[in-house]
Amino acid sequence: MEQTLQQAFDRIIGLPLTKTTRNAAIQYFHFGNTHYTTPQGLVLDIGEMTLAINCPWQVQQPDGQSIKHSEVYIRKREAGLPTPVWDWKQPGSSLSDQRLMQFTHDNPNLVVERIEQQQDYTLLLYFSDGTVLSVLPDPETPADEYWQLFSNSGDSFTVGAGANGYIL
């Protein structure tokens, strides 16, 4: 099991963090580049590998700043008057969306150097500049899937972890 997980994690070692996206509370971290064509013919620029996180997470930067999953429930900073109607579920509307977009824009060569697995399905991703992405499942809040790492290159690769164990 541990060897299989390490082989899965090895697939993103050396890949840069290229973008982040979100669907409601699930945060997606995209590594590397590939393209996906929708059935309607729209070509999307996505990560070769994607880490979907459905539990608490944090990006700790070398300068001491951090971006936390809880910021998804805070309205993004806007010049002037804020939009009258705000929905945290709308991608791009939250403080975490704003901060992650700026973070990936300011750090285009953020490469994954290593990944550590810890108890309770916790993951630590270490980047080339000293940034650490912590995936922190809360055993007190069980979920079918805390996180999932999957390939977007058409090989159907996926691995994840939830309250009932690893999903291979």
N, C-alpha and C. Protein backbone atom coordinates (compact mmCIF):
# COMPACT_ATOMS: atom_id res chain seq x y z
N MET A 1 0.82 -1.19 0.00
CA MET A 1 0.00 0.00 0.00
C MET A 1 0.87 1.26 0.00
N GLU A 2 1.84 1.32 0.93
CA GLU A 2 2.69 2.50 1.03
C GLU A 2 3.51 2.70 -0.23
N GLN A 3 3.98 1.61 -0.83
CA GLN A 3 4.76 1.71 -2.06
C GLN A 3 3.88 2.24 -3.19
N THR A 4 2.63 1.78 -3.26
CA THR A 4 1.71 2.26 -4.29
C THR A 4 1.46 3.75 -4.13
N LEU A 5 1.27 4.19 -2.88
CA LEU A 5 1.06 5.61 -2.64
C LEU A 5 2.29 6.43 -3.02
N GLN A 6 3.46 5.93 -2.67
CA GLN A 6 4.68 6.66 -3.00
C GLN A 6 4.85 6.76 -4.52
N GLN A 7 4.52 5.70 -5.24
CA GLN A 7 4.59 5.75 -6.71
C GLN A 7 3.61 6.79 -7.24
N ALA A 8 2.44 6.89 -6.61
CA ALA A 8 1.46 7.90 -7.02
C ALA A 8 2.00 9.30 -6.78
N PHE A 9 2.57 9.52 -5.61
CA PHE A 9 3.11 10.84 -5.28
C PHE A 9 4.31 11.19 -6.14
N ASP A 10 5.08 10.19 -6.53
CA ASP A 10 6.24 10.43 -7.38
C ASP A 10 5.84 11.04 -8.72
N ARG A 11 4.58 10.85 -9.12
CA ARG A 11 4.12 11.40 -10.39
C ARG A 11 4.07 12.92 -10.41
N ILE A 12 3.97 13.55 -9.23
CA ILE A 12 3.94 15.02 -9.23
C ILE A 12 5.26 15.64 -8.78
N ILE A 13 6.20 14.80 -8.32
CA ILE A 13 7.53 15.32 -7.97
C ILE A 13 8.14 15.91 -9.24
N GLY A 14 8.63 17.13 -9.14
CA GLY A 14 9.24 17.80 -10.30
C GLY A 14 8.28 18.60 -11.14
N LEU A 15 6.97 18.47 -10.87
CA LEU A 15 5.98 19.26 -11.63
C LEU A 15 5.73 20.59 -10.93
N PRO A 16 5.54 21.65 -11.70
CA PRO A 16 5.23 22.94 -11.09
C PRO A 16 3.74 23.05 -10.76
N LEU A 17 3.44 23.82 -9.71
CA LEU A 17 2.05 24.19 -9.42
C LEU A 17 1.68 25.24 -10.44
N THR A 18 0.73 24.93 -11.31
CA THR A 18 0.42 25.84 -12.42
C THR A 18 -0.83 26.68 -12.17
N LYS A 19 -1.77 26.16 -11.39
CA LYS A 19 -2.97 26.93 -11.11
C LYS A 19 -3.77 26.27 -10.01
N THR A 20 -4.75 27.00 -9.49
CA THR A 20 -5.69 26.44 -8.53
C THR A 20 -7.09 26.80 -9.00
N THR A 21 -8.02 25.92 -8.73
CA THR A 21 -9.42 26.17 -9.05
C THR A 21 -10.24 25.65 -7.87
N ARG A 22 -11.54 25.95 -7.90
CA ARG A 22 -12.38 25.53 -6.80
C ARG A 22 -13.79 25.27 -7.29
N ASN A 23 -14.45 24.29 -6.67
CA ASN A 23 -15.86 24.01 -6.88
C ASN A 23 -16.46 23.88 -5.49
N ALA A 24 -17.22 24.89 -5.05
CA ALA A 24 -17.77 24.97 -3.69
C ALA A 24 -16.60 24.86 -2.71
N ALA A 25 -16.62 23.87 -1.81
CA ALA A 25 -15.56 23.77 -0.80
C ALA A 25 -14.37 22.92 -1.26
N ILE A 26 -14.45 22.30 -2.42
CA ILE A 26 -13.34 21.47 -2.91
C ILE A 26 -12.33 22.33 -3.65
N GLN A 27 -11.09 22.30 -3.16
CA GLN A 27 -10.01 23.09 -3.76
C GLN A 27 -9.16 22.17 -4.63
N TYR A 28 -8.85 22.62 -5.84
CA TYR A 28 -8.04 21.86 -6.78
C TYR A 28 -6.70 22.55 -6.99
N PHE A 29 -5.63 21.78 -6.83
CA PHE A 29 -4.28 22.26 -7.11
C PHE A 29 -3.79 21.51 -8.34
N HIS A 30 -3.45 22.24 -9.40
CA HIS A 30 -3.06 21.65 -10.69
C HIS A 30 -1.54 21.70 -10.83
N PHE A 31 -0.97 20.57 -11.22
CA PHE A 31 0.48 20.45 -11.38
C PHE A 31 0.82 20.07 -12.81
N GLY A 32 1.78 20.78 -13.40
CA GLY A 32 2.13 20.53 -14.79
C GLY A 32 1.06 21.10 -15.71
N ASN A 33 1.14 20.78 -16.99
CA ASN A 33 0.19 21.29 -17.98
C ASN A 33 -0.27 20.21 -18.92
N THR A 34 -1.52 20.24 -19.23
CA THR A 34 -2.09 19.43 -20.30
C THR A 34 -3.37 20.12 -20.73
N HIS A 35 -3.99 19.62 -21.76
CA HIS A 35 -5.23 20.22 -22.26
C HIS A 35 -6.33 19.18 -22.28
N TYR A 36 -7.54 19.66 -22.08
CA TYR A 36 -8.72 18.80 -22.12
C TYR A 36 -9.72 19.47 -23.03
N THR A 37 -10.30 18.70 -23.93
CA THR A 37 -11.32 19.23 -24.82
C THR A 37 -12.68 18.73 -24.36
N THR A 38 -13.58 19.66 -24.07
CA THR A 38 -14.93 19.30 -23.62
C THR A 38 -15.72 18.74 -24.80
N PRO A 39 -16.82 18.07 -24.52
CA PRO A 39 -17.67 17.57 -25.62
C PRO A 39 -18.17 18.68 -26.54
N GLN A 40 -18.20 19.93 -26.02
CA GLN A 40 -18.63 21.06 -26.84
C GLN A 40 -17.49 21.64 -27.66
N GLY A 41 -16.27 21.09 -27.51
CA GLY A 41 -15.13 21.55 -28.29
C GLY A 41 -14.28 22.61 -27.61
N LEU A 42 -14.62 22.99 -26.38
CA LEU A 42 -13.85 23.97 -25.64
C LEU A 42 -12.57 23.32 -25.12
N VAL A 43 -11.43 23.96 -25.37
CA VAL A 43 -10.13 23.44 -24.93
C VAL A 43 -9.77 24.11 -23.61
N LEU A 44 -9.59 23.29 -22.57
CA LEU A 44 -9.25 23.80 -21.24
C LEU A 44 -7.80 23.51 -20.92
N ASP A 45 -7.12 24.49 -20.33
CA ASP A 45 -5.74 24.32 -19.88
C ASP A 45 -5.82 23.85 -18.43
N ILE A 46 -5.43 22.60 -18.18
CA ILE A 46 -5.53 22.02 -16.84
C ILE A 46 -4.19 21.41 -16.46
N GLY A 47 -4.08 20.97 -15.25
CA GLY A 47 -2.86 20.34 -14.80
C GLY A 47 -2.74 18.91 -15.31
N GLU A 48 -1.52 18.48 -15.54
CA GLU A 48 -1.26 17.08 -15.89
C GLU A 48 -1.74 16.19 -14.75
N MET A 49 -1.48 16.63 -13.51
CA MET A 49 -1.95 15.96 -12.31
C MET A 49 -2.71 17.00 -11.48
N THR A 50 -3.77 16.56 -10.81
CA THR A 50 -4.56 17.46 -9.98
C THR A 50 -4.76 16.84 -8.61
N LEU A 51 -4.60 17.65 -7.58
CA LEU A 51 -4.88 17.24 -6.22
C LEU A 51 -6.16 17.97 -5.80
N ALA A 52 -7.23 17.19 -5.58
CA ALA A 52 -8.51 17.74 -5.13
C ALA A 52 -8.58 17.56 -3.62
N ILE A 53 -8.86 18.63 -2.90
CA ILE A 53 -8.86 18.59 -1.44
C ILE A 53 -10.24 18.96 -0.92
N ASN A 54 -10.81 18.05 -0.13
CA ASN A 54 -12.13 18.25 0.46
C ASN A 54 -12.02 18.17 1.99
N CYS A 55 -11.04 18.86 2.53
CA CYS A 55 -10.82 18.90 3.98
C CYS A 55 -9.96 20.13 4.25
N PRO A 56 -9.69 20.45 5.50
CA PRO A 56 -8.83 21.61 5.77
C PRO A 56 -7.46 21.49 5.10
N TRP A 57 -6.95 22.61 4.62
CA TRP A 57 -5.62 22.68 4.00
C TRP A 57 -5.03 24.05 4.30
N GLN A 58 -3.72 24.16 4.09
CA GLN A 58 -3.04 25.44 4.32
C GLN A 58 -1.80 25.50 3.44
N VAL A 59 -1.55 26.66 2.86
CA VAL A 59 -0.32 26.94 2.13
C VAL A 59 0.52 27.85 3.02
N GLN A 60 1.65 27.32 3.50
CA GLN A 60 2.55 28.09 4.36
C GLN A 60 3.71 28.56 3.50
N GLN A 61 3.87 29.87 3.36
CA GLN A 61 4.91 30.45 2.52
C GLN A 61 6.17 30.71 3.35
N PRO A 62 7.32 30.74 2.69
CA PRO A 62 8.59 30.94 3.41
C PRO A 62 8.64 32.24 4.21
N ASP A 63 7.91 33.27 3.78
CA ASP A 63 7.94 34.56 4.50
C ASP A 63 7.01 34.58 5.71
N GLY A 64 6.38 33.45 6.02
CA GLY A 64 5.51 33.36 7.19
C GLY A 64 4.03 33.55 6.89
N GLN A 65 3.70 34.03 5.70
CA GLN A 65 2.29 34.20 5.34
C GLN A 65 1.68 32.83 5.07
N SER A 66 0.38 32.74 5.30
CA SER A 66 -0.30 31.48 4.97
C SER A 66 -1.65 31.79 4.33
N ILE A 67 -2.07 30.85 3.51
CA ILE A 67 -3.38 30.90 2.89
C ILE A 67 -4.10 29.66 3.40
N LYS A 68 -5.30 29.85 3.96
CA LYS A 68 -6.01 28.74 4.60
C LYS A 68 -7.34 28.46 3.92
N HIS A 69 -7.76 27.20 4.03
CA HIS A 69 -9.03 26.79 3.43
C HIS A 69 -10.20 27.60 3.99
N SER A 70 -10.13 28.04 5.24
CA SER A 70 -11.24 28.78 5.85
C SER A 70 -11.48 30.13 5.18
N GLU A 71 -10.51 30.62 4.42
CA GLU A 71 -10.68 31.90 3.72
C GLU A 71 -11.68 31.81 2.57
N VAL A 72 -12.13 30.60 2.27
CA VAL A 72 -13.14 30.44 1.23
C VAL A 72 -14.47 31.07 1.69
N TYR A 73 -14.64 31.22 2.99
CA TYR A 73 -15.87 31.79 3.54
C TYR A 73 -15.76 33.29 3.79
N ILE A 74 -14.69 33.90 3.28
CA ILE A 74 -14.47 35.34 3.41
C ILE A 74 -14.51 35.96 2.01
N ARG A 75 -15.24 37.03 1.89
CA ARG A 75 -15.36 37.74 0.61
C ARG A 75 -13.99 38.26 0.17
N LYS A 76 -13.70 38.17 -1.14
CA LYS A 76 -12.43 38.69 -1.65
C LYS A 76 -12.38 40.20 -1.47
N ARG A 77 -11.17 40.72 -1.46
CA ARG A 77 -10.97 42.16 -1.33
C ARG A 77 -11.27 42.82 -2.67
N GLU A 78 -12.06 43.87 -2.62
CA GLU A 78 -12.43 44.60 -3.83
C GLU A 78 -12.24 46.09 -3.61
N ALA A 79 -11.85 46.79 -4.65
CA ALA A 79 -11.77 48.25 -4.59
C ALA A 79 -13.19 48.81 -4.61
N GLY A 80 -13.43 49.85 -3.87
CA GLY A 80 -14.76 50.47 -3.87
C GLY A 80 -15.75 49.65 -3.06
N LEU A 81 -17.00 49.79 -3.39
CA LEU A 81 -18.05 49.07 -2.68
C LEU A 81 -18.07 47.60 -3.10
N PRO A 82 -18.23 46.71 -2.14
CA PRO A 82 -18.30 45.30 -2.50
C PRO A 82 -19.58 44.98 -3.25
N THR A 83 -19.55 43.89 -4.00
CA THR A 83 -20.75 43.46 -4.72
C THR A 83 -21.87 43.23 -3.70
N PRO A 84 -23.08 43.66 -4.03
CA PRO A 84 -24.17 43.56 -3.05
C PRO A 84 -24.54 42.11 -2.68
N VAL A 85 -24.47 41.23 -3.63
CA VAL A 85 -24.81 39.83 -3.35
C VAL A 85 -23.52 39.01 -3.45
N TRP A 86 -23.25 38.25 -2.40
CA TRP A 86 -22.04 37.45 -2.38
C TRP A 86 -22.38 36.01 -2.06
N ASP A 87 -21.80 35.09 -2.83
CA ASP A 87 -22.01 33.66 -2.61
C ASP A 87 -20.64 33.00 -2.57
N TRP A 88 -20.25 32.50 -1.42
CA TRP A 88 -18.93 31.90 -1.25
C TRP A 88 -18.72 30.73 -2.19
N LYS A 89 -19.78 30.06 -2.62
CA LYS A 89 -19.65 28.89 -3.49
C LYS A 89 -19.22 29.26 -4.91
N GLN A 90 -19.36 30.51 -5.27
CA GLN A 90 -19.01 30.98 -6.61
C GLN A 90 -17.49 31.03 -6.75
N PRO A 91 -16.90 30.23 -7.65
CA PRO A 91 -15.44 30.28 -7.84
C PRO A 91 -14.97 31.69 -8.16
N GLY A 92 -13.88 32.08 -7.53
CA GLY A 92 -13.32 33.41 -7.76
C GLY A 92 -13.84 34.48 -6.82
N SER A 93 -14.81 34.15 -5.97
CA SER A 93 -15.43 35.16 -5.12
C SER A 93 -14.81 35.28 -3.73
N SER A 94 -13.99 34.33 -3.34
CA SER A 94 -13.50 34.30 -1.96
C SER A 94 -12.08 34.84 -1.83
N LEU A 95 -11.72 35.13 -0.59
CA LEU A 95 -10.38 35.59 -0.29
C LEU A 95 -9.34 34.52 -0.64
N SER A 96 -9.66 33.25 -0.38
CA SER A 96 -8.70 32.19 -0.74
C SER A 96 -8.50 32.12 -2.24
N ASP A 97 -9.56 32.27 -3.02
CA ASP A 97 -9.43 32.28 -4.49
C ASP A 97 -8.49 33.41 -4.92
N GLN A 98 -8.73 34.58 -4.39
CA GLN A 98 -7.94 35.75 -4.75
C GLN A 98 -6.47 35.57 -4.36
N ARG A 99 -6.23 35.09 -3.15
CA ARG A 99 -4.86 34.94 -2.67
C ARG A 99 -4.13 33.80 -3.40
N LEU A 100 -4.82 32.70 -3.69
CA LEU A 100 -4.17 31.59 -4.41
C LEU A 100 -3.85 31.99 -5.85
N MET A 101 -4.74 32.75 -6.49
CA MET A 101 -4.47 33.19 -7.85
C MET A 101 -3.23 34.09 -7.88
N GLN A 102 -3.14 35.01 -6.93
CA GLN A 102 -1.98 35.90 -6.84
C GLN A 102 -0.72 35.09 -6.53
N PHE A 103 -0.84 34.13 -5.64
CA PHE A 103 0.29 33.29 -5.24
C PHE A 103 0.85 32.51 -6.43
N THR A 104 -0.01 31.86 -7.21
CA THR A 104 0.49 31.10 -8.36
C THR A 104 1.02 32.03 -9.45
N HIS A 105 0.42 33.20 -9.59
CA HIS A 105 0.91 34.18 -10.57
C HIS A 105 2.30 34.68 -10.18
N ASP A 106 2.52 34.94 -8.88
CA ASP A 106 3.80 35.47 -8.41
C ASP A 106 4.90 34.41 -8.31
N ASN A 107 4.53 33.15 -8.36
CA ASN A 107 5.49 32.05 -8.20
C ASN A 107 5.34 31.03 -9.33
N PRO A 108 5.70 31.41 -10.56
CA PRO A 108 5.45 30.52 -11.71
C PRO A 108 6.32 29.27 -11.74
N ASN A 109 7.38 29.22 -10.95
CA ASN A 109 8.27 28.06 -10.98
C ASN A 109 8.24 27.30 -9.66
N LEU A 110 7.08 27.20 -9.07
CA LEU A 110 6.91 26.51 -7.80
C LEU A 110 6.83 25.01 -8.07
N VAL A 111 7.93 24.30 -7.85
CA VAL A 111 8.04 22.89 -8.21
C VAL A 111 7.95 22.01 -6.95
N VAL A 112 7.19 20.92 -7.05
CA VAL A 112 7.06 19.97 -5.94
C VAL A 112 8.39 19.21 -5.81
N GLU A 113 8.98 19.25 -4.62
CA GLU A 113 10.24 18.54 -4.37
C GLU A 113 10.03 17.21 -3.67
N ARG A 114 9.08 17.18 -2.72
CA ARG A 114 8.80 15.91 -2.03
C ARG A 114 7.44 15.98 -1.37
N ILE A 115 6.93 14.78 -1.03
CA ILE A 115 5.64 14.65 -0.36
C ILE A 115 5.81 13.70 0.81
N GLU A 116 5.26 14.09 1.94
CA GLU A 116 5.28 13.23 3.12
C GLU A 116 3.85 12.84 3.47
N GLN A 117 3.67 11.57 3.81
CA GLN A 117 2.40 11.08 4.32
C GLN A 117 2.52 10.99 5.83
N GLN A 118 1.49 11.41 6.53
CA GLN A 118 1.49 11.32 7.98
C GLN A 118 0.20 10.65 8.42
N GLN A 119 0.02 10.53 9.73
CA GLN A 119 -1.17 9.83 10.24
C GLN A 119 -2.43 10.58 9.88
N ASP A 120 -3.55 9.88 9.95
CA ASP A 120 -4.88 10.43 9.63
C ASP A 120 -4.95 10.97 8.20
N TYR A 121 -4.18 10.38 7.28
CA TYR A 121 -4.21 10.71 5.84
C TYR A 121 -3.72 12.12 5.54
N THR A 122 -2.97 12.71 6.46
CA THR A 122 -2.37 14.03 6.26
C THR A 122 -1.27 13.94 5.21
N LEU A 123 -1.20 14.96 4.35
CA LEU A 123 -0.14 15.07 3.35
C LEU A 123 0.57 16.40 3.52
N LEU A 124 1.88 16.38 3.31
CA LEU A 124 2.68 17.61 3.28
C LEU A 124 3.41 17.63 1.95
N LEU A 125 3.15 18.66 1.13
CA LEU A 125 3.83 18.83 -0.14
C LEU A 125 4.83 19.96 0.02
N TYR A 126 6.11 19.66 -0.24
CA TYR A 126 7.18 20.63 -0.10
C TYR A 126 7.58 21.13 -1.49
N PHE A 127 7.66 22.46 -1.62
CA PHE A 127 7.99 23.07 -2.89
C PHE A 127 9.41 23.63 -2.89
N SER A 128 9.91 23.89 -4.08
CA SER A 128 11.29 24.32 -4.29
C SER A 128 11.67 25.61 -3.57
N ASP A 129 10.71 26.48 -3.29
CA ASP A 129 11.04 27.75 -2.64
C ASP A 129 10.84 27.70 -1.12
N GLY A 130 10.49 26.54 -0.58
CA GLY A 130 10.25 26.41 0.86
C GLY A 130 8.79 26.46 1.24
N THR A 131 7.91 26.70 0.29
CA THR A 131 6.46 26.67 0.56
C THR A 131 6.04 25.25 0.90
N VAL A 132 5.07 25.12 1.80
CA VAL A 132 4.53 23.81 2.17
C VAL A 132 3.01 23.86 2.05
N LEU A 133 2.45 22.91 1.30
CA LEU A 133 1.00 22.72 1.24
C LEU A 133 0.67 21.58 2.19
N SER A 134 -0.11 21.87 3.22
CA SER A 134 -0.53 20.87 4.19
C SER A 134 -1.98 20.49 3.93
N VAL A 135 -2.24 19.21 3.78
CA VAL A 135 -3.59 18.68 3.63
C VAL A 135 -3.89 18.01 4.96
N LEU A 136 -4.90 18.54 5.68
CA LEU A 136 -5.09 18.20 7.08
C LEU A 136 -6.48 17.63 7.37
N PRO A 137 -6.75 16.39 6.98
CA PRO A 137 -8.06 15.80 7.27
C PRO A 137 -8.34 15.83 8.78
N ASP A 138 -9.57 16.10 9.13
CA ASP A 138 -9.98 16.14 10.52
C ASP A 138 -10.74 14.85 10.83
N PRO A 139 -10.16 13.96 11.65
CA PRO A 139 -10.84 12.70 11.97
C PRO A 139 -12.19 12.91 12.65
N GLU A 140 -12.39 14.09 13.25
CA GLU A 140 -13.67 14.40 13.89
C GLU A 140 -14.75 14.77 12.88
N THR A 141 -14.33 15.03 11.64
CA THR A 141 -15.27 15.35 10.56
C THR A 141 -15.05 14.36 9.42
N PRO A 142 -15.55 13.13 9.57
CA PRO A 142 -15.30 12.12 8.54
C PRO A 142 -15.95 12.49 7.20
N ALA A 143 -15.26 12.12 6.13
CA ALA A 143 -15.76 12.35 4.77
C ALA A 143 -15.43 11.14 3.92
N ASP A 144 -16.24 10.88 2.92
CA ASP A 144 -15.97 9.77 2.01
C ASP A 144 -14.62 9.94 1.34
N GLU A 145 -14.28 11.20 1.05
CA GLU A 145 -12.99 11.47 0.42
C GLU A 145 -12.43 12.78 0.94
N TYR A 146 -11.27 12.71 1.60
CA TYR A 146 -10.59 13.90 2.09
C TYR A 146 -9.80 14.55 0.96
N TRP A 147 -9.11 13.72 0.21
CA TRP A 147 -8.31 14.22 -0.91
C TRP A 147 -8.22 13.14 -1.99
N GLN A 148 -7.96 13.60 -3.20
CA GLN A 148 -7.79 12.69 -4.34
C GLN A 148 -6.73 13.29 -5.26
N LEU A 149 -5.79 12.46 -5.68
CA LEU A 149 -4.79 12.84 -6.66
C LEU A 149 -5.14 12.09 -7.94
N PHE A 150 -5.30 12.82 -9.04
CA PHE A 150 -5.67 12.14 -10.28
C PHE A 150 -4.95 12.74 -11.47
N SER A 151 -4.85 11.92 -12.51
CA SER A 151 -4.19 12.31 -13.75
C SER A 151 -5.22 12.83 -14.73
N ASN A 152 -4.83 13.84 -15.49
CA ASN A 152 -5.68 14.38 -16.55
C ASN A 152 -5.13 14.01 -17.93
N SER A 153 -4.22 13.03 -17.97
CA SER A 153 -3.58 12.69 -19.24
C SER A 153 -4.23 11.47 -19.90
N GLY A 154 -5.40 11.07 -19.42
CA GLY A 154 -6.13 10.00 -20.09
C GLY A 154 -5.80 8.60 -19.64
N ASP A 155 -4.99 8.43 -18.59
CA ASP A 155 -4.62 7.08 -18.17
C ASP A 155 -5.46 6.56 -17.00
N SER A 156 -6.49 7.30 -16.60
CA SER A 156 -7.44 6.90 -15.55
C SER A 156 -6.79 6.68 -14.19
N PHE A 157 -5.62 7.27 -13.97
CA PHE A 157 -4.93 7.13 -12.69
C PHE A 157 -5.63 7.97 -11.62
N THR A 158 -5.87 7.38 -10.45
CA THR A 158 -6.42 8.10 -9.32
C THR A 158 -6.07 7.38 -8.02
N VAL A 159 -5.82 8.16 -6.98
CA VAL A 159 -5.59 7.63 -5.64
C VAL A 159 -6.14 8.68 -4.68
N GLY A 160 -6.70 8.23 -3.56
CA GLY A 160 -7.26 9.18 -2.61
C GLY A 160 -7.34 8.59 -1.23
N ALA A 161 -7.89 9.37 -0.31
CA ALA A 161 -8.06 8.90 1.06
C ALA A 161 -9.35 9.50 1.61
N GLY A 162 -10.05 8.67 2.38
CA GLY A 162 -11.28 9.12 3.04
C GLY A 162 -11.38 8.46 4.41
N ALA A 163 -12.48 8.67 5.06
CA ALA A 163 -12.67 8.14 6.41
C ALA A 163 -12.53 6.62 6.48
N ASN A 164 -12.80 5.95 5.36
CA ASN A 164 -12.71 4.48 5.33
C ASN A 164 -11.38 3.96 4.83
N GLY A 165 -10.39 4.84 4.68
CA GLY A 165 -9.06 4.41 4.26
C GLY A 165 -8.67 4.97 2.91
N TYR A 166 -7.59 4.39 2.38
CA TYR A 166 -7.09 4.82 1.08
C TYR A 166 -7.97 4.27 -0.03
N ILE A 167 -8.08 5.04 -1.09
CA ILE A 167 -8.88 4.67 -2.26
C ILE A 167 -7.91 4.53 -3.43
N LEU A 168 -7.69 3.31 -3.86
CA LEU A 168 -6.73 3.06 -4.95
C LEU A 168 -7.45 2.55 -6.18
